[in-house]
C-alpha atoms as a PDB file:
ATOM      1  CA  MET A   1      13.948   2.137   3.373  1.00  0.00           C
ATOM      2  CA  ASN A   2      10.562   0.402   4.260  1.00  0.00           C
ATOM      3  CA  ALA A   3       7.199   1.841   4.195  1.00  0.00           C
ATOM      4  CA  ILE A   4       3.446   1.182   5.143  1.00  0.00           C
ATOM      5  CA  ILE A   5       0.797   0.835   2.743  1.00  0.00           C
ATOM      6  CA  THR A   6      -3.098   0.974   3.541  1.00  0.00           C
ATOM      7  CA  VAL A   7      -5.830   0.056   1.369  1.00  0.00           C
ATOM      8  CA  VAL A   8      -9.327   0.608   2.552  1.00  0.00           C
ATOM      9  CA  GLY A   9     -12.536   0.406   0.548  1.00  0.00           C
ATOM     10  CA  SER A  10     -15.381  -2.114  -0.479  1.00  0.00           C
ATOM     11  CA  ASP A  11     -14.376  -5.786  -1.609  1.00  0.00           C
ATOM     12  CA  LYS A  12     -14.179  -6.049  -5.059  1.00  0.00           C
ATOM     13  CA  VAL A  13     -11.828  -8.329  -7.315  1.00  0.00           C
ATOM     14  CA  GLY A  14      -8.558  -7.247  -8.395  1.00  0.00           C
ATOM     15  CA  ILE A  15      -7.601  -5.244  -5.696  1.00  0.00           C
ATOM     16  CA  ILE A  16      -4.685  -7.129  -4.097  1.00  0.00           C
ATOM     17  CA  ALA A  17      -3.793  -7.987  -7.900  1.00  0.00           C
ATOM     18  CA  ASN A  18      -3.840  -4.271  -8.894  1.00  0.00           C
ATOM     19  CA  VAL A  19      -1.792  -2.861  -6.151  1.00  0.00           C
ATOM     20  CA  SER A  20       0.792  -5.798  -5.964  1.00  0.00           C
ATOM     21  CA  SER A  21       1.413  -5.401  -9.692  1.00  0.00           C
ATOM     22  CA  PHE A  22       2.077  -1.778  -9.767  1.00  0.00           C
ATOM     23  CA  LEU A  23       4.722  -2.444  -6.870  1.00  0.00           C
ATOM     24  CA  ALA A  24       6.499  -5.462  -8.837  1.00  0.00           C
ATOM     25  CA  GLU A  25       6.544  -2.635 -12.056  1.00  0.00           C
ATOM     26  CA  HIS A  26       8.507  -0.509  -9.538  1.00  0.00           C
ATOM     27  CA  LYS A  27      10.819  -3.558  -8.062  1.00  0.00           C
ATOM     28  CA  ILE A  28       9.260  -2.494  -4.457  1.00  0.00           C
ATOM     29  CA  ASN A  29       8.957  -5.730  -2.587  1.00  0.00           C
ATOM     30  CA  ILE A  30       6.099  -6.647  -0.394  1.00  0.00           C
ATOM     31  CA  ALA A  31       8.026  -7.663   2.825  1.00  0.00           C
ATOM     32  CA  ASP A  32       4.811  -8.590   4.502  1.00  0.00           C
ATOM     33  CA  ILE A  33       1.223  -8.530   4.270  1.00  0.00           C
ATOM     34  CA  THR A  34      -2.513  -8.839   5.585  1.00  0.00           C
ATOM     35  CA  GLN A  35      -5.635  -8.288   4.479  1.00  0.00           C
ATOM     36  CA  THR A  36      -9.334  -9.133   5.750  1.00  0.00           C
ATOM     37  CA  ILE A  37     -12.968  -7.947   5.083  1.00  0.00           C
ATOM     38  CA  LEU A  38     -14.599  -6.405   8.027  1.00  0.00           C
ATOM     39  CA  SER A  39     -18.637  -5.725   7.185  1.00  0.00           C
ATOM     40  CA  GLY A  40     -18.081  -6.132   3.574  1.00  0.00           C
ATOM     41  CA  ASN A  41     -15.079  -3.641   3.307  1.00  0.00           C
ATOM     42  CA  PHE A  42     -11.678  -4.820   2.293  1.00  0.00           C
ATOM     43  CA  VAL A  43      -8.789  -3.689   4.414  1.00  0.00           C
ATOM     44  CA  MET A  44      -5.078  -4.780   3.679  1.00  0.00           C
ATOM     45  CA  MET A  45      -1.711  -3.343   5.234  1.00  0.00           C
ATOM     46  CA  MET A  46       1.424  -3.672   3.379  1.00  0.00           C
ATOM     47  CA  MET A  47       5.145  -3.283   4.754  1.00  0.00           C
ATOM     48  CA  VAL A  48       7.292  -2.613   1.332  1.00  0.00           C
ATOM     49  CA  SER A  49      10.927  -2.595   0.618  1.00  0.00           C
ATOM     50  CA  PHE A  50      12.237   0.091  -1.556  1.00  0.00           C
ATOM     51  CA  GLU A  51      15.594  -1.357  -1.455  1.00  0.00           C
ATOM     52  CA  ASN A  52      16.145  -2.087  -5.344  1.00  0.00           C
ATOM     53  CA  ALA A  53      12.916   0.661  -6.348  1.00  0.00           C
ATOM     54  CA  ASP A  54      12.927   2.794  -9.107  1.00  0.00           C
ATOM     55  CA  ILE A  55      10.535   5.199  -7.516  1.00  0.00           C
ATOM     56  CA  ASP A  56      10.435   7.210  -4.072  1.00  0.00           C
ATOM     57  CA  ILE A  57       8.230   7.221  -1.516  1.00  0.00           C
ATOM     58  CA  ASP A  58       6.221  10.603  -2.959  1.00  0.00           C
ATOM     59  CA  GLY A  59       6.197   9.199  -6.565  1.00  0.00           C
ATOM     60  CA  LEU A  60       4.772   6.128  -5.157  1.00  0.00           C
ATOM     61  CA  ARG A  61       2.268   8.223  -2.680  1.00  0.00           C
ATOM     62  CA  ASN A  62       1.276  10.248  -5.946  1.00  0.00           C
ATOM     63  CA  SER A  63       1.131   6.958  -8.163  1.00  0.00           C
ATOM     64  CA  LEU A  64      -1.131   5.178  -5.536  1.00  0.00           C
ATOM     65  CA  SER A  65      -3.553   8.179  -5.332  1.00  0.00           C
ATOM     66  CA  LYS A  66      -4.220   7.840  -8.728  1.00  0.00           C
ATOM     67  CA  LYS A  67      -4.440   4.178  -8.901  1.00  0.00           C
ATOM     68  CA  ALA A  68      -6.798   4.254  -5.965  1.00  0.00           C
ATOM     69  CA  ASP A  69      -9.289   6.926  -7.470  1.00  0.00           C
ATOM     70  CA  GLU A  70      -9.310   4.550 -10.583  1.00  0.00           C
ATOM     71  CA  MET A  71     -10.480   1.354  -8.122  1.00  0.00           C
ATOM     72  CA  GLY A  72     -12.538   3.425  -5.836  1.00  0.00           C
ATOM     73  CA  VAL A  73     -10.323   2.574  -2.395  1.00  0.00           C
ATOM     74  CA  GLU A  74      -8.298   4.622  -0.546  1.00  0.00           C
ATOM     75  CA  ILE A  75      -4.714   3.987  -0.216  1.00  0.00           C
ATOM     76  CA  ASN A  76      -2.108   6.098   2.293  1.00  0.00           C
ATOM     77  CA  VAL A  77       1.678   5.389   2.164  1.00  0.00           C
ATOM     78  CA  MET A  78       3.655   6.196   5.147  1.00  0.00           C
ATOM     79  CA  SER A  79       7.132   5.771   6.351  1.00  0.00           C
ATOM     80  CA  GLU A  80       8.116   2.763   8.472  1.00  0.00           C
ATOM     81  CA  LYS A  81       9.883   5.123  10.682  1.00  0.00           C
ATOM     82  CA  VAL A  82       6.749   7.711  10.949  1.00  0.00           C
ATOM     83  CA  PHE A  83       4.309   4.882  11.400  1.00  0.00           C
ATOM     84  CA  SER A  84       6.005   3.536  14.110  1.00  0.00           C
ATOM     85  CA  ALA A  85       6.749   6.824  15.796  1.00  0.00           C
ATOM     86  CA  MET A  86       2.859   7.506  15.680  1.00  0.00           C
ATOM     87  CA  HIS A  87       2.208   3.845  17.302  1.00  0.00           C
ATOM     88  CA  ARG A  88       4.418   3.656  19.864  1.00  0.00           C
ATOM     89  CA  VAL A  89       2.995   3.264  23.610  1.00  0.00           C
END
């Protein structure tokens, strides 16, 4: 299963490192990533694979919510299937 993770917040050092190291700890592979700065706001989108993960999507969502609070950003996790269905033209 794949999921889409979005991270949005004020730009600061360590956002990518914090999120990617957390994913690595749980054996979640980053399949694709893009990030940019828009008017001083950090915006990142990742597609991740749960193929070897030791946590499910709900556990990831809960854990990243806590991490988001610590970092002062907003993190959302959505199943790739749901994301694709929502963005179908």
